[in-house]
C-alpha cells in the first residue's frame, strides 16, 4: 500500500512540474516585445550577429537557461548581457517567453 501511495505521489508531482513549466504563448509574445528581446534576437527570434537564434529552441532548455541567467549563473559567452534582462523575470514570465520562442519557426 505504501508503494502505491509513493507512486501516486510521484506521478502527481511530475504532473505538477509539467504544468508549472507550460507557458502562455500570447503572454510570452507580449513580454518578448516589452522586454526588448527583439533588440538582440530579432522580431522573429532568428538572432543577429553574436546573438543566438532562439526561434524553435527547446522550451525546457529555454526555461533552464533563463532561470540560470536570473540566478546570475554564466551559461555562455553572452551571459553578462543576459543576466540583467533576466533578473526581473518571474517564473511565469520565463515560462511564457520560453513557450513563445519555442513556437517560432
N, C-alpha and C. Protein backbone atom coordinates (compact mmCIF):
# COMPACT_ATOMS: atom_id res chain seq x y z
N UNK A 1 0.83 -1.19 0.00
CA UNK A 1 0.00 0.00 0.00
C UNK A 1 0.87 1.26 0.00
N UNK A 2 1.96 1.23 0.79
CA UNK A 2 2.84 2.39 0.84
C UNK A 2 3.47 2.67 -0.52
N UNK A 3 3.82 1.59 -1.25
CA UNK A 3 4.41 1.75 -2.58
C UNK A 3 3.42 2.44 -3.51
N UNK A 4 2.17 2.05 -3.44
CA UNK A 4 1.14 2.63 -4.29
C UNK A 4 0.98 4.12 -4.00
N UNK A 5 1.00 4.48 -2.74
CA UNK A 5 0.89 5.88 -2.35
C UNK A 5 2.09 6.67 -2.84
N UNK A 6 3.29 6.10 -2.70
CA UNK A 6 4.50 6.78 -3.17
C UNK A 6 4.49 6.96 -4.68
N UNK A 7 4.04 5.94 -5.40
CA UNK A 7 3.96 6.04 -6.86
C UNK A 7 2.95 7.12 -7.26
N UNK A 8 1.80 7.12 -6.62
CA UNK A 8 0.78 8.13 -6.92
C UNK A 8 1.28 9.53 -6.61
N UNK A 9 1.99 9.68 -5.51
CA UNK A 9 2.54 11.00 -5.15
C UNK A 9 3.58 11.43 -6.17
N UNK A 10 4.41 10.51 -6.62
CA UNK A 10 5.42 10.82 -7.63
C UNK A 10 4.80 11.25 -8.94
N UNK A 11 3.75 10.57 -9.36
CA UNK A 11 3.05 10.94 -10.59
C UNK A 11 2.42 12.31 -10.45
N UNK A 12 1.80 12.57 -9.32
CA UNK A 12 1.17 13.87 -9.09
C UNK A 12 2.20 14.99 -9.12
N UNK A 13 3.36 14.76 -8.52
CA UNK A 13 4.41 15.78 -8.51
C UNK A 13 4.94 16.02 -9.92
N UNK A 14 5.14 14.96 -10.68
CA UNK A 14 5.63 15.10 -12.05
C UNK A 14 4.63 15.86 -12.90
N UNK A 15 3.35 15.58 -12.73
CA UNK A 15 2.32 16.29 -13.48
C UNK A 15 2.31 17.76 -13.09
N UNK A 16 2.50 18.05 -11.82
CA UNK A 16 2.54 19.44 -11.37
C UNK A 16 3.71 20.19 -11.94
N UNK A 17 4.86 19.53 -12.05
CA UNK A 17 6.05 20.18 -12.63
C UNK A 17 5.84 20.48 -14.10
N UNK A 18 5.23 19.55 -14.82
CA UNK A 18 4.98 19.77 -16.24
C UNK A 18 4.03 20.93 -16.43
N UNK A 19 3.01 21.02 -15.58
CA UNK A 19 2.06 22.11 -15.68
C UNK A 19 2.72 23.44 -15.34
N UNK A 20 3.60 23.45 -14.35
CA UNK A 20 4.26 24.69 -13.94
C UNK A 20 5.13 25.26 -15.06
N UNK A 21 5.67 24.40 -15.91
CA UNK A 21 6.55 24.86 -16.97
C UNK A 21 5.80 25.24 -18.23
N UNK A 22 4.54 24.85 -18.35
CA UNK A 22 3.78 25.18 -19.54
C UNK A 22 3.49 26.68 -19.55
N UNK A 23 3.93 27.34 -20.61
CA UNK A 23 3.76 28.79 -20.69
C UNK A 23 2.66 29.18 -21.66
N UNK A 24 2.30 30.43 -21.60
CA UNK A 24 1.29 31.03 -22.45
C UNK A 24 2.00 31.74 -23.60
N UNK A 25 1.78 31.27 -24.82
CA UNK A 25 2.47 31.81 -25.99
C UNK A 25 2.15 33.28 -26.21
N UNK A 26 0.87 33.66 -26.08
CA UNK A 26 0.49 35.06 -26.29
C UNK A 26 1.12 35.98 -25.25
N UNK A 27 1.11 35.55 -24.00
CA UNK A 27 1.74 36.36 -22.94
C UNK A 27 3.25 36.44 -23.18
N UNK A 28 3.83 35.36 -23.66
CA UNK A 28 5.26 35.35 -23.98
C UNK A 28 5.60 36.29 -25.12
N UNK A 29 4.73 36.35 -26.11
CA UNK A 29 4.94 37.26 -27.24
C UNK A 29 4.93 38.71 -26.76
N UNK A 30 3.98 39.03 -25.89
CA UNK A 30 3.89 40.39 -25.35
C UNK A 30 5.13 40.72 -24.52
N UNK A 31 5.58 39.78 -23.70
CA UNK A 31 6.76 40.00 -22.86
C UNK A 31 8.02 40.12 -23.72
N UNK A 32 8.12 39.33 -24.78
CA UNK A 32 9.26 39.37 -25.70
C UNK A 32 9.39 40.77 -26.29
N UNK A 33 8.27 41.35 -26.69
CA UNK A 33 8.29 42.70 -27.27
C UNK A 33 8.58 43.75 -26.20
N UNK A 34 7.94 43.62 -25.04
CA UNK A 34 8.08 44.63 -23.98
C UNK A 34 9.44 44.60 -23.29
N UNK A 35 10.08 43.45 -23.27
CA UNK A 35 11.35 43.31 -22.55
C UNK A 35 12.58 43.62 -23.40
N UNK A 36 12.38 43.93 -24.65
CA UNK A 36 13.50 44.29 -25.51
C UNK A 36 14.24 43.11 -26.11
N UNK A 37 13.68 41.93 -26.05
CA UNK A 37 14.32 40.74 -26.63
C UNK A 37 14.58 40.93 -28.12
N UNK A 38 13.67 41.68 -28.76
CA UNK A 38 13.75 41.95 -30.19
C UNK A 38 15.06 42.62 -30.56
N UNK A 39 15.57 43.47 -29.69
CA UNK A 39 16.77 44.23 -29.99
C UNK A 39 17.98 43.37 -30.32
N UNK A 40 18.09 42.22 -29.71
CA UNK A 40 19.24 41.34 -29.95
C UNK A 40 18.86 40.08 -30.74
N UNK A 41 17.73 39.49 -30.39
CA UNK A 41 17.35 38.23 -31.01
C UNK A 41 16.48 38.40 -32.25
N UNK A 42 16.07 39.64 -32.53
CA UNK A 42 15.27 39.92 -33.72
C UNK A 42 13.79 39.68 -33.49
N UNK A 43 12.95 40.28 -34.35
CA UNK A 43 11.50 40.19 -34.17
C UNK A 43 10.94 38.77 -34.29
N UNK A 44 11.63 37.91 -35.02
CA UNK A 44 11.17 36.53 -35.17
C UNK A 44 12.10 35.54 -34.47
N UNK A 45 12.97 36.06 -33.59
CA UNK A 45 13.85 35.19 -32.81
C UNK A 45 14.96 34.53 -33.61
N UNK A 46 15.28 35.08 -34.78
CA UNK A 46 16.29 34.47 -35.65
C UNK A 46 17.72 34.80 -35.25
N UNK A 47 17.90 35.70 -34.31
CA UNK A 47 19.24 36.08 -33.87
C UNK A 47 19.89 37.05 -34.83
N UNK A 48 20.94 37.69 -34.38
CA UNK A 48 21.68 38.65 -35.19
C UNK A 48 23.12 38.65 -34.72
N UNK A 49 24.04 38.75 -35.64
CA UNK A 49 25.47 38.84 -35.33
C UNK A 49 25.85 37.83 -34.24
N UNK A 50 26.22 38.33 -33.06
CA UNK A 50 26.67 37.43 -31.98
C UNK A 50 25.52 36.91 -31.12
N UNK A 51 24.31 37.35 -31.40
CA UNK A 51 23.16 36.96 -30.57
C UNK A 51 22.49 35.72 -31.16
N UNK A 52 22.28 34.69 -30.34
CA UNK A 52 21.79 33.42 -30.87
C UNK A 52 20.34 33.43 -31.32
N UNK A 53 20.07 32.52 -32.23
CA UNK A 53 18.70 32.25 -32.66
C UNK A 53 17.99 31.58 -31.49
N UNK A 54 16.80 32.07 -31.17
CA UNK A 54 16.00 31.44 -30.11
C UNK A 54 14.74 30.80 -30.67
N UNK A 55 14.38 31.16 -31.90
CA UNK A 55 13.19 30.61 -32.54
C UNK A 55 13.31 29.10 -32.66
N UNK A 56 12.26 28.41 -32.23
CA UNK A 56 12.22 26.97 -32.35
C UNK A 56 13.09 26.21 -31.37
N UNK A 57 13.66 26.92 -30.41
CA UNK A 57 14.50 26.26 -29.40
C UNK A 57 13.65 25.40 -28.49
N UNK A 58 14.28 24.44 -27.85
CA UNK A 58 13.58 23.56 -26.92
C UNK A 58 13.08 24.37 -25.73
N UNK A 59 11.79 24.27 -25.47
CA UNK A 59 11.16 25.07 -24.41
C UNK A 59 11.79 24.82 -23.04
N UNK A 60 12.02 23.57 -22.71
CA UNK A 60 12.60 23.24 -21.41
C UNK A 60 14.02 23.83 -21.28
N UNK A 61 14.78 23.75 -22.36
CA UNK A 61 16.14 24.32 -22.35
C UNK A 61 16.09 25.83 -22.15
N UNK A 62 15.14 26.50 -22.81
CA UNK A 62 14.99 27.95 -22.65
C UNK A 62 14.66 28.31 -21.20
N UNK A 63 13.74 27.57 -20.60
CA UNK A 63 13.38 27.82 -19.20
C UNK A 63 14.60 27.65 -18.31
N UNK A 64 15.33 26.57 -18.51
CA UNK A 64 16.52 26.30 -17.70
C UNK A 64 17.56 27.41 -17.86
N UNK A 65 17.80 27.82 -19.10
CA UNK A 65 18.82 28.84 -19.36
C UNK A 65 18.43 30.18 -18.77
N UNK A 66 17.17 30.62 -18.99
CA UNK A 66 16.75 31.91 -18.44
C UNK A 66 16.74 31.89 -16.92
N UNK A 67 16.40 30.76 -16.33
CA UNK A 67 16.42 30.64 -14.87
C UNK A 67 17.85 30.77 -14.34
N UNK A 68 18.80 30.19 -15.05
CA UNK A 68 20.21 30.33 -14.66
C UNK A 68 20.66 31.78 -14.80
N UNK A 69 20.29 32.44 -15.88
CA UNK A 69 20.64 33.86 -16.05
C UNK A 69 20.08 34.68 -14.89
N UNK A 70 18.82 34.41 -14.54
CA UNK A 70 18.18 35.15 -13.45
C UNK A 70 18.93 34.94 -12.13
N UNK A 71 19.48 33.75 -11.94
CA UNK A 71 20.23 33.43 -10.71
C UNK A 71 21.66 33.96 -10.76
N UNK A 72 22.04 34.56 -11.89
CA UNK A 72 23.39 35.11 -12.01
C UNK A 72 24.43 34.10 -12.45
N UNK A 73 23.98 32.95 -12.96
CA UNK A 73 24.90 31.91 -13.42
C UNK A 73 25.31 32.15 -14.87
N UNK A 74 26.57 32.00 -15.15
CA UNK A 74 27.07 32.11 -16.53
C UNK A 74 26.69 30.85 -17.30
N UNK A 75 26.16 31.04 -18.49
CA UNK A 75 25.73 29.93 -19.33
C UNK A 75 26.57 29.87 -20.61
N UNK A 76 26.95 31.02 -21.09
CA UNK A 76 27.72 31.09 -22.33
C UNK A 76 28.39 32.44 -22.45
N UNK A 77 28.92 32.75 -23.63
CA UNK A 77 29.69 33.99 -23.80
C UNK A 77 28.86 35.27 -23.65
N UNK A 78 27.56 35.20 -23.82
CA UNK A 78 26.71 36.39 -23.70
C UNK A 78 26.02 36.49 -22.35
N UNK A 79 26.43 35.68 -21.39
CA UNK A 79 25.78 35.66 -20.08
C UNK A 79 25.73 37.02 -19.42
N UNK A 80 26.81 37.77 -19.49
CA UNK A 80 26.86 39.08 -18.84
C UNK A 80 25.82 40.03 -19.42
N UNK A 81 25.48 39.86 -20.70
CA UNK A 81 24.45 40.70 -21.32
C UNK A 81 23.06 40.24 -20.94
N UNK A 82 22.87 38.93 -20.76
CA UNK A 82 21.55 38.39 -20.49
C UNK A 82 21.13 38.50 -19.03
N UNK A 83 22.07 38.41 -18.12
CA UNK A 83 21.72 38.40 -16.70
C UNK A 83 20.87 39.59 -16.27
N UNK A 84 21.23 40.82 -16.63
CA UNK A 84 20.39 41.95 -16.20
C UNK A 84 18.97 41.89 -16.75
N UNK A 85 18.82 41.34 -17.95
CA UNK A 85 17.48 41.24 -18.55
C UNK A 85 16.63 40.20 -17.82
N UNK A 86 17.27 39.15 -17.34
CA UNK A 86 16.55 38.05 -16.70
C UNK A 86 16.26 38.29 -15.22
N UNK A 87 17.01 39.19 -14.60
CA UNK A 87 16.89 39.41 -13.15
C UNK A 87 15.46 39.70 -12.67
N UNK A 88 14.69 40.41 -13.47
CA UNK A 88 13.35 40.80 -13.04
C UNK A 88 12.24 39.92 -13.60
N UNK A 89 12.60 38.81 -14.24
CA UNK A 89 11.59 37.92 -14.79
C UNK A 89 11.06 36.98 -13.71
N UNK A 90 9.75 36.83 -13.68
CA UNK A 90 9.13 35.87 -12.77
C UNK A 90 9.18 34.48 -13.41
N UNK A 91 8.83 33.47 -12.64
CA UNK A 91 8.76 32.12 -13.19
C UNK A 91 7.76 32.07 -14.35
N UNK A 92 6.63 32.76 -14.18
CA UNK A 92 5.63 32.80 -15.25
C UNK A 92 6.17 33.50 -16.49
N UNK A 93 6.88 34.62 -16.30
CA UNK A 93 7.48 35.32 -17.44
C UNK A 93 8.40 34.39 -18.21
N UNK A 94 9.24 33.67 -17.48
CA UNK A 94 10.19 32.75 -18.11
C UNK A 94 9.45 31.65 -18.87
N UNK A 95 8.45 31.06 -18.25
CA UNK A 95 7.67 30.01 -18.91
C UNK A 95 6.99 30.54 -20.16
N UNK A 96 6.43 31.75 -20.06
CA UNK A 96 5.73 32.34 -21.20
C UNK A 96 6.69 32.69 -22.34
N UNK A 97 7.82 33.29 -22.00
CA UNK A 97 8.82 33.61 -23.01
C UNK A 97 9.32 32.33 -23.70
N UNK A 98 9.58 31.31 -22.92
CA UNK A 98 10.06 30.04 -23.49
C UNK A 98 9.02 29.44 -24.42
N UNK A 99 7.76 29.48 -24.03
CA UNK A 99 6.69 28.94 -24.88
C UNK A 99 6.62 29.71 -26.19
N UNK A 100 6.73 31.03 -26.10
CA UNK A 100 6.67 31.85 -27.32
C UNK A 100 7.86 31.57 -28.23
N UNK A 101 9.07 31.60 -27.68
CA UNK A 101 10.26 31.39 -28.51
C UNK A 101 10.27 29.99 -29.13
N UNK A 102 9.84 29.00 -28.38
CA UNK A 102 9.79 27.64 -28.90
C UNK A 102 8.76 27.52 -30.03
N UNK A 103 7.73 28.36 -30.00
CA UNK A 103 6.68 28.30 -31.02
C UNK A 103 7.10 28.95 -32.34
N UNK A 104 8.15 29.76 -32.31
CA UNK A 104 8.60 30.44 -33.52
C UNK A 104 9.32 29.47 -34.45
N UNK A 105 9.27 29.77 -35.73
CA UNK A 105 9.96 28.90 -36.70
C UNK A 105 11.23 29.54 -37.19
